[in-house]
């Protein structure tokens, strides 16, 4: 069975996309650490980021870099967090999110009750900075 990320990428489950290309998709998480929290996910289902081919990992990181720069501008954040955890879904992914303090990296503080309208606003805000 396809992972939840593959289901989002394939359009089986709705997602708020920030970036898509033939190798990677980036979309907002529904349980963000901070507004704009984006997941950068390779289309290929590989569980552990250390198993990604080097070229694909490089592309994932390049997209994460571009998304991170957009998040920094969109939210006037002093920093952008980047975390590879991989425990919650068996499909390699990178968390990219605006950060103001170390507490913003605490996954026990995710907001699992974000209204869809706010996620829509976040998507538009980021896409405007990316020029997409």
N, C-alpha and C. Protein backbone atom coordinates (compact mmCIF):
# COMPACT_ATOMS: atom_id res chain seq x y z
N UNK A 1 0.84 -1.19 0.00
CA UNK A 1 0.00 0.00 0.00
C UNK A 1 0.88 1.25 0.00
N UNK A 2 0.47 2.24 -0.73
CA UNK A 2 1.22 3.50 -0.84
C UNK A 2 1.23 4.23 0.51
N UNK A 3 2.34 4.92 0.79
CA UNK A 3 2.40 5.72 2.02
C UNK A 3 1.43 6.89 1.89
N UNK A 4 1.13 7.51 3.03
CA UNK A 4 0.25 8.68 3.02
C UNK A 4 0.86 9.79 2.16
N UNK A 5 2.20 9.89 2.15
CA UNK A 5 2.83 10.92 1.31
C UNK A 5 2.62 10.63 -0.16
N UNK A 6 2.75 9.36 -0.56
CA UNK A 6 2.49 9.01 -1.97
C UNK A 6 1.03 9.27 -2.32
N UNK A 7 0.14 9.01 -1.40
CA UNK A 7 -1.27 9.27 -1.65
C UNK A 7 -1.53 10.76 -1.86
N UNK A 8 -0.84 11.61 -1.08
CA UNK A 8 -0.96 13.05 -1.27
C UNK A 8 -0.36 13.45 -2.61
N UNK A 9 0.85 12.98 -2.89
CA UNK A 9 1.53 13.33 -4.14
C UNK A 9 0.72 12.89 -5.36
N UNK A 10 0.07 11.73 -5.26
CA UNK A 10 -0.72 11.20 -6.38
C UNK A 10 -2.12 11.80 -6.47
N UNK A 11 -2.49 12.64 -5.52
CA UNK A 11 -3.79 13.29 -5.56
C UNK A 11 -4.92 12.47 -4.95
N UNK A 12 -4.60 11.35 -4.31
CA UNK A 12 -5.62 10.53 -3.67
C UNK A 12 -6.11 11.17 -2.37
N UNK A 13 -5.26 11.95 -1.75
CA UNK A 13 -5.58 12.72 -0.55
C UNK A 13 -5.22 14.17 -0.87
N UNK A 14 -6.06 15.13 -0.49
CA UNK A 14 -5.74 16.53 -0.80
C UNK A 14 -4.46 16.99 -0.12
N UNK A 15 -3.74 17.86 -0.78
CA UNK A 15 -2.53 18.46 -0.22
C UNK A 15 -2.39 19.89 -0.70
N UNK A 16 -1.72 20.68 0.10
CA UNK A 16 -1.45 22.08 -0.27
C UNK A 16 0.00 22.16 -0.73
N UNK A 17 0.19 22.07 -2.03
CA UNK A 17 1.52 21.96 -2.61
C UNK A 17 2.20 23.31 -2.73
N UNK A 18 3.49 23.30 -2.45
CA UNK A 18 4.36 24.46 -2.57
C UNK A 18 5.28 24.28 -3.77
N UNK A 19 5.62 23.03 -4.05
CA UNK A 19 6.58 22.71 -5.12
C UNK A 19 6.26 21.32 -5.65
N UNK A 20 6.33 21.15 -6.94
CA UNK A 20 6.27 19.82 -7.54
C UNK A 20 7.18 19.79 -8.76
N UNK A 21 7.87 18.69 -8.91
CA UNK A 21 8.61 18.42 -10.13
C UNK A 21 8.59 16.91 -10.33
N UNK A 22 9.37 16.39 -11.27
CA UNK A 22 9.29 14.96 -11.57
C UNK A 22 9.92 14.06 -10.51
N UNK A 23 10.67 14.64 -9.55
CA UNK A 23 11.34 13.83 -8.53
C UNK A 23 10.90 14.11 -7.09
N UNK A 24 10.35 15.31 -6.86
CA UNK A 24 10.08 15.77 -5.50
C UNK A 24 8.77 16.53 -5.46
N UNK A 25 8.10 16.45 -4.32
CA UNK A 25 6.95 17.31 -4.04
C UNK A 25 7.15 17.93 -2.66
N UNK A 26 6.69 19.15 -2.50
CA UNK A 26 6.73 19.82 -1.20
C UNK A 26 5.33 20.34 -0.92
N UNK A 27 4.84 20.02 0.27
CA UNK A 27 3.49 20.42 0.64
C UNK A 27 3.44 20.74 2.12
N UNK A 28 2.45 21.55 2.50
CA UNK A 28 2.29 21.91 3.90
C UNK A 28 1.85 20.71 4.71
N UNK A 29 2.38 20.60 5.91
CA UNK A 29 1.91 19.57 6.83
C UNK A 29 0.64 20.04 7.51
N UNK A 30 -0.22 19.11 7.88
CA UNK A 30 -1.45 19.47 8.59
C UNK A 30 -1.20 19.54 10.10
N UNK A 31 0.02 19.25 10.53
CA UNK A 31 0.39 19.34 11.94
C UNK A 31 1.70 20.13 12.05
N UNK A 32 1.63 21.45 11.83
CA UNK A 32 2.86 22.25 11.77
C UNK A 32 3.46 22.61 13.13
N UNK A 33 4.77 22.74 13.12
CA UNK A 33 5.48 23.31 14.26
C UNK A 33 5.25 24.82 14.29
N UNK A 34 5.36 25.45 13.13
CA UNK A 34 5.10 26.88 12.97
C UNK A 34 4.37 27.04 11.64
N UNK A 35 3.75 28.20 11.44
CA UNK A 35 3.04 28.48 10.19
C UNK A 35 4.02 28.33 9.02
N UNK A 36 3.57 27.68 7.97
CA UNK A 36 4.41 27.49 6.78
C UNK A 36 5.21 26.20 6.78
N UNK A 37 5.12 25.41 7.83
CA UNK A 37 5.87 24.15 7.95
C UNK A 37 5.58 23.27 6.73
N UNK A 38 6.61 22.99 5.98
CA UNK A 38 6.52 22.28 4.71
C UNK A 38 7.30 20.98 4.77
N UNK A 39 6.77 19.96 4.12
CA UNK A 39 7.48 18.68 3.98
C UNK A 39 7.98 18.57 2.55
N UNK A 40 9.25 18.27 2.39
CA UNK A 40 9.83 18.04 1.07
C UNK A 40 10.04 16.53 0.96
N UNK A 41 9.39 15.93 -0.04
CA UNK A 41 9.29 14.47 -0.11
C UNK A 41 9.67 13.98 -1.51
N UNK A 42 10.59 13.03 -1.61
CA UNK A 42 10.85 12.44 -2.92
C UNK A 42 9.62 11.63 -3.36
N UNK A 43 9.36 11.62 -4.63
CA UNK A 43 8.23 10.82 -5.14
C UNK A 43 8.47 9.34 -4.92
N UNK A 44 9.71 8.92 -5.02
CA UNK A 44 10.05 7.52 -4.83
C UNK A 44 9.92 7.16 -3.35
N UNK A 45 9.23 6.07 -3.07
CA UNK A 45 9.03 5.63 -1.69
C UNK A 45 10.27 4.91 -1.19
N UNK A 46 11.08 5.65 -0.46
CA UNK A 46 12.25 5.10 0.21
C UNK A 46 12.12 5.51 1.66
N UNK A 47 12.19 4.54 2.56
CA UNK A 47 11.90 4.77 3.97
C UNK A 47 12.90 5.71 4.65
N UNK A 48 14.18 5.47 4.48
CA UNK A 48 15.22 6.15 5.25
C UNK A 48 16.03 7.06 4.34
N UNK A 49 16.20 8.31 4.74
CA UNK A 49 16.91 9.27 3.88
C UNK A 49 18.32 8.81 3.55
N UNK A 50 18.94 7.99 4.40
CA UNK A 50 20.30 7.52 4.11
C UNK A 50 20.31 6.50 2.98
N UNK A 51 19.16 6.02 2.58
CA UNK A 51 19.06 5.08 1.46
C UNK A 51 18.74 5.77 0.13
N UNK A 52 18.51 7.08 0.18
CA UNK A 52 18.25 7.81 -1.06
C UNK A 52 19.52 7.84 -1.91
N UNK A 53 19.41 7.63 -3.21
CA UNK A 53 20.58 7.82 -4.06
C UNK A 53 21.10 9.26 -3.88
N UNK A 54 22.40 9.43 -3.93
CA UNK A 54 23.02 10.73 -3.65
C UNK A 54 22.44 11.84 -4.51
N UNK A 55 22.19 11.56 -5.78
CA UNK A 55 21.67 12.59 -6.68
C UNK A 55 20.26 13.00 -6.25
N UNK A 56 19.43 12.05 -5.84
CA UNK A 56 18.07 12.38 -5.39
C UNK A 56 18.12 13.13 -4.06
N UNK A 57 18.97 12.70 -3.15
CA UNK A 57 19.13 13.43 -1.89
C UNK A 57 19.56 14.87 -2.16
N UNK A 58 20.48 15.04 -3.10
CA UNK A 58 20.91 16.39 -3.46
C UNK A 58 19.76 17.24 -3.96
N UNK A 59 18.89 16.63 -4.75
CA UNK A 59 17.73 17.37 -5.27
C UNK A 59 16.75 17.70 -4.14
N UNK A 60 16.51 16.75 -3.25
CA UNK A 60 15.64 17.01 -2.10
C UNK A 60 16.18 18.19 -1.30
N UNK A 61 17.47 18.21 -1.09
CA UNK A 61 18.06 19.30 -0.31
C UNK A 61 18.03 20.62 -1.08
N UNK A 62 18.21 20.58 -2.39
CA UNK A 62 18.14 21.81 -3.19
C UNK A 62 16.73 22.41 -3.11
N UNK A 63 15.72 21.56 -3.20
CA UNK A 63 14.34 22.05 -3.09
C UNK A 63 14.09 22.55 -1.67
N UNK A 64 14.60 21.84 -0.66
CA UNK A 64 14.46 22.28 0.73
C UNK A 64 15.10 23.65 0.93
N UNK A 65 16.24 23.86 0.30
CA UNK A 65 16.94 25.14 0.38
C UNK A 65 16.09 26.25 -0.23
N UNK A 66 15.53 26.00 -1.39
CA UNK A 66 14.70 27.01 -2.06
C UNK A 66 13.44 27.30 -1.26
N UNK A 67 12.78 26.26 -0.77
CA UNK A 67 11.58 26.43 0.06
C UNK A 67 11.94 27.18 1.34
N UNK A 68 13.04 26.79 1.97
CA UNK A 68 13.47 27.45 3.20
C UNK A 68 13.72 28.94 3.01
N UNK A 69 14.36 29.31 1.91
CA UNK A 69 14.60 30.73 1.63
C UNK A 69 13.27 31.47 1.47
N UNK A 70 12.30 30.84 0.83
CA UNK A 70 10.98 31.45 0.66
C UNK A 70 10.27 31.60 2.01
N UNK A 71 10.38 30.59 2.86
CA UNK A 71 9.75 30.66 4.18
C UNK A 71 10.34 31.79 5.01
N UNK A 72 11.63 31.95 4.92
CA UNK A 72 12.30 33.01 5.69
C UNK A 72 11.74 34.37 5.30
N UNK A 73 11.56 34.59 4.00
CA UNK A 73 11.02 35.86 3.52
C UNK A 73 9.52 35.97 3.85
N UNK A 74 8.76 34.93 3.57
CA UNK A 74 7.31 34.97 3.74
C UNK A 74 6.89 35.25 5.17
N UNK A 75 7.67 34.75 6.13
CA UNK A 75 7.30 34.89 7.54
C UNK A 75 8.24 35.81 8.32
N UNK A 76 9.16 36.47 7.64
CA UNK A 76 10.13 37.35 8.29
C UNK A 76 10.79 36.65 9.48
N UNK A 77 11.17 35.41 9.25
CA UNK A 77 11.77 34.59 10.31
C UNK A 77 13.29 34.78 10.34
N UNK A 78 13.88 34.80 11.53
CA UNK A 78 15.33 34.94 11.60
C UNK A 78 16.07 33.68 11.15
N UNK A 79 15.42 32.53 11.25
CA UNK A 79 16.02 31.26 10.86
C UNK A 79 14.96 30.37 10.24
N UNK A 80 15.43 29.33 9.58
CA UNK A 80 14.55 28.29 9.05
C UNK A 80 15.07 26.96 9.55
N UNK A 81 14.17 26.19 10.17
CA UNK A 81 14.56 24.88 10.67
C UNK A 81 14.52 23.85 9.56
N UNK A 82 15.40 22.87 9.67
CA UNK A 82 15.43 21.75 8.74
C UNK A 82 15.69 20.50 9.58
N UNK A 83 14.74 19.57 9.53
CA UNK A 83 14.84 18.36 10.34
C UNK A 83 14.51 17.15 9.48
N UNK A 84 15.34 16.14 9.59
CA UNK A 84 15.05 14.84 8.98
C UNK A 84 14.85 13.90 10.16
N UNK A 85 13.60 13.51 10.40
CA UNK A 85 13.31 12.62 11.53
C UNK A 85 12.94 11.24 11.02
N UNK A 86 11.83 11.17 10.31
CA UNK A 86 11.48 9.92 9.64
C UNK A 86 10.80 8.86 10.47
N UNK A 87 10.35 9.20 11.67
CA UNK A 87 9.70 8.18 12.49
C UNK A 87 8.19 8.10 12.22
N UNK A 88 7.60 9.19 11.80
CA UNK A 88 6.14 9.23 11.72
C UNK A 88 5.57 8.61 10.44
N UNK A 89 6.30 8.64 9.34
CA UNK A 89 5.85 8.06 8.07
C UNK A 89 7.04 7.34 7.44
N UNK A 90 6.87 6.10 6.99
CA UNK A 90 7.99 5.36 6.40
C UNK A 90 8.28 5.76 4.95
N UNK A 91 8.53 7.05 4.76
CA UNK A 91 8.80 7.62 3.43
C UNK A 91 9.70 8.83 3.70
N UNK A 92 10.92 8.79 3.22
CA UNK A 92 11.89 9.85 3.49
C UNK A 92 11.26 11.23 3.24
N UNK A 93 11.57 12.17 4.13
CA UNK A 93 11.06 13.53 3.97
C UNK A 93 11.86 14.48 4.85
N UNK A 94 11.83 15.74 4.47
CA UNK A 94 12.53 16.79 5.20
C UNK A 94 11.49 17.80 5.68
N UNK A 95 11.56 18.13 6.96
CA UNK A 95 10.71 19.18 7.54
C UNK A 95 11.44 20.51 7.36
N UNK A 96 10.77 21.50 6.79
CA UNK A 96 11.34 22.83 6.61
C UNK A 96 10.32 23.82 7.18
N UNK A 97 10.76 24.67 8.13
CA UNK A 97 9.80 25.54 8.81
C UNK A 97 10.47 26.81 9.32
N UNK A 98 9.71 27.92 9.33
CA UNK A 98 10.25 29.15 9.92
C UNK A 98 10.49 28.94 11.41
N UNK A 99 11.56 29.53 11.94
CA UNK A 99 11.90 29.35 13.35
C UNK A 99 12.35 30.67 13.96
N UNK A 100 11.90 30.89 15.17
CA UNK A 100 12.26 32.08 15.93
C UNK A 100 13.05 31.73 17.18
N UNK A 101 12.94 30.47 17.63
CA UNK A 101 13.63 30.03 18.85
C UNK A 101 13.78 28.52 18.81
N UNK A 102 14.63 27.98 19.67
CA UNK A 102 14.86 26.53 19.71
C UNK A 102 13.58 25.75 20.02
N UNK A 103 12.68 26.34 20.77
CA UNK A 103 11.42 25.66 21.10
C UNK A 103 10.62 25.33 19.85
N UNK A 104 10.85 26.06 18.76
CA UNK A 104 10.14 25.79 17.50
C UNK A 104 10.52 24.43 16.91
N UNK A 105 11.57 23.81 17.41
CA UNK A 105 12.02 22.50 16.93
C UNK A 105 11.41 21.35 17.74
N UNK A 106 10.59 21.65 18.71
CA UNK A 106 10.03 20.66 19.62
C UNK A 106 8.76 20.04 19.01
N UNK A 107 8.89 18.82 18.50
CA UNK A 107 7.78 18.17 17.83
C UNK A 107 6.61 17.84 18.76
N UNK A 108 6.81 17.93 20.06
CA UNK A 108 5.68 17.73 20.97
C UNK A 108 4.76 18.94 20.97
N UNK A 109 5.17 20.01 20.30
CA UNK A 109 4.38 21.25 20.24
C UNK A 109 3.65 21.45 18.91
N UNK A 110 3.57 20.43 18.07
CA UNK A 110 2.88 20.62 16.79
C UNK A 110 1.42 20.99 17.03
N UNK A 111 0.87 21.74 16.11
CA UNK A 111 -0.53 22.16 16.18
C UNK A 111 -1.33 21.24 15.26
N UNK A 112 -2.07 20.33 15.84
CA UNK A 112 -2.85 19.36 15.05
C UNK A 112 -4.25 19.84 14.75
N UNK A 113 -4.53 21.10 15.04
CA UNK A 113 -5.88 21.63 14.85
C UNK A 113 -5.85 22.96 14.09
N UNK A 114 -5.10 23.00 13.01
CA UNK A 114 -4.99 24.22 12.20
C UNK A 114 -6.16 24.27 11.23
N UNK A 115 -6.90 25.37 11.21
CA UNK A 115 -8.01 25.48 10.25
C UNK A 115 -7.51 25.44 8.81
N UNK A 116 -8.27 24.80 7.95
CA UNK A 116 -7.91 24.72 6.54
C UNK A 116 -7.69 26.07 5.91
N UNK A 117 -8.46 27.07 6.34
CA UNK A 117 -8.32 28.41 5.78
C UNK A 117 -6.93 28.98 6.05
N UNK A 118 -6.39 28.69 7.24
CA UNK A 118 -5.04 29.19 7.54
C UNK A 118 -4.00 28.48 6.68
N UNK A 119 -4.17 27.18 6.48
CA UNK A 119 -3.25 26.46 5.61
C UNK A 119 -3.33 27.00 4.18
N UNK A 120 -4.54 27.33 3.72
CA UNK A 120 -4.69 27.93 2.40
C UNK A 120 -3.95 29.26 2.32
N UNK A 121 -4.07 30.07 3.37
CA UNK A 121 -3.37 31.36 3.41
C UNK A 121 -1.85 31.15 3.41
N UNK A 122 -1.39 30.17 4.18
CA UNK A 122 0.04 29.88 4.22
C UNK A 122 0.54 29.45 2.85
N UNK A 123 -0.22 28.59 2.18
CA UNK A 123 0.17 28.14 0.84
C UNK A 123 0.31 29.33 -0.10
N UNK A 124 -0.68 30.21 -0.11
CA UNK A 124 -0.65 31.37 -1.00
C UNK A 124 0.54 32.27 -0.66
N UNK A 125 0.77 32.48 0.61
CA UNK A 125 1.87 33.33 1.06
C UNK A 125 3.23 32.81 0.55
N UNK A 126 3.43 31.53 0.66
CA UNK A 126 4.69 30.93 0.23
C UNK A 126 4.80 30.93 -1.29
N UNK A 127 3.72 30.55 -1.96
CA UNK A 127 3.74 30.54 -3.43
C UNK A 127 3.99 31.93 -4.00
N UNK A 128 3.46 32.97 -3.35
CA UNK A 128 3.71 34.33 -3.80
C UNK A 128 5.20 34.66 -3.76
N UNK A 129 5.88 34.22 -2.69
CA UNK A 129 7.32 34.49 -2.58
C UNK A 129 8.10 33.67 -3.62
N UNK A 130 7.66 32.43 -3.83
CA UNK A 130 8.34 31.58 -4.82
C UNK A 130 8.04 32.01 -6.26
N UNK A 131 7.02 32.85 -6.43
CA UNK A 131 6.64 33.28 -7.78
C UNK A 131 5.96 32.18 -8.57
N UNK A 132 5.23 31.32 -7.87
CA UNK A 132 4.54 30.19 -8.52
C UNK A 132 3.04 30.41 -8.54
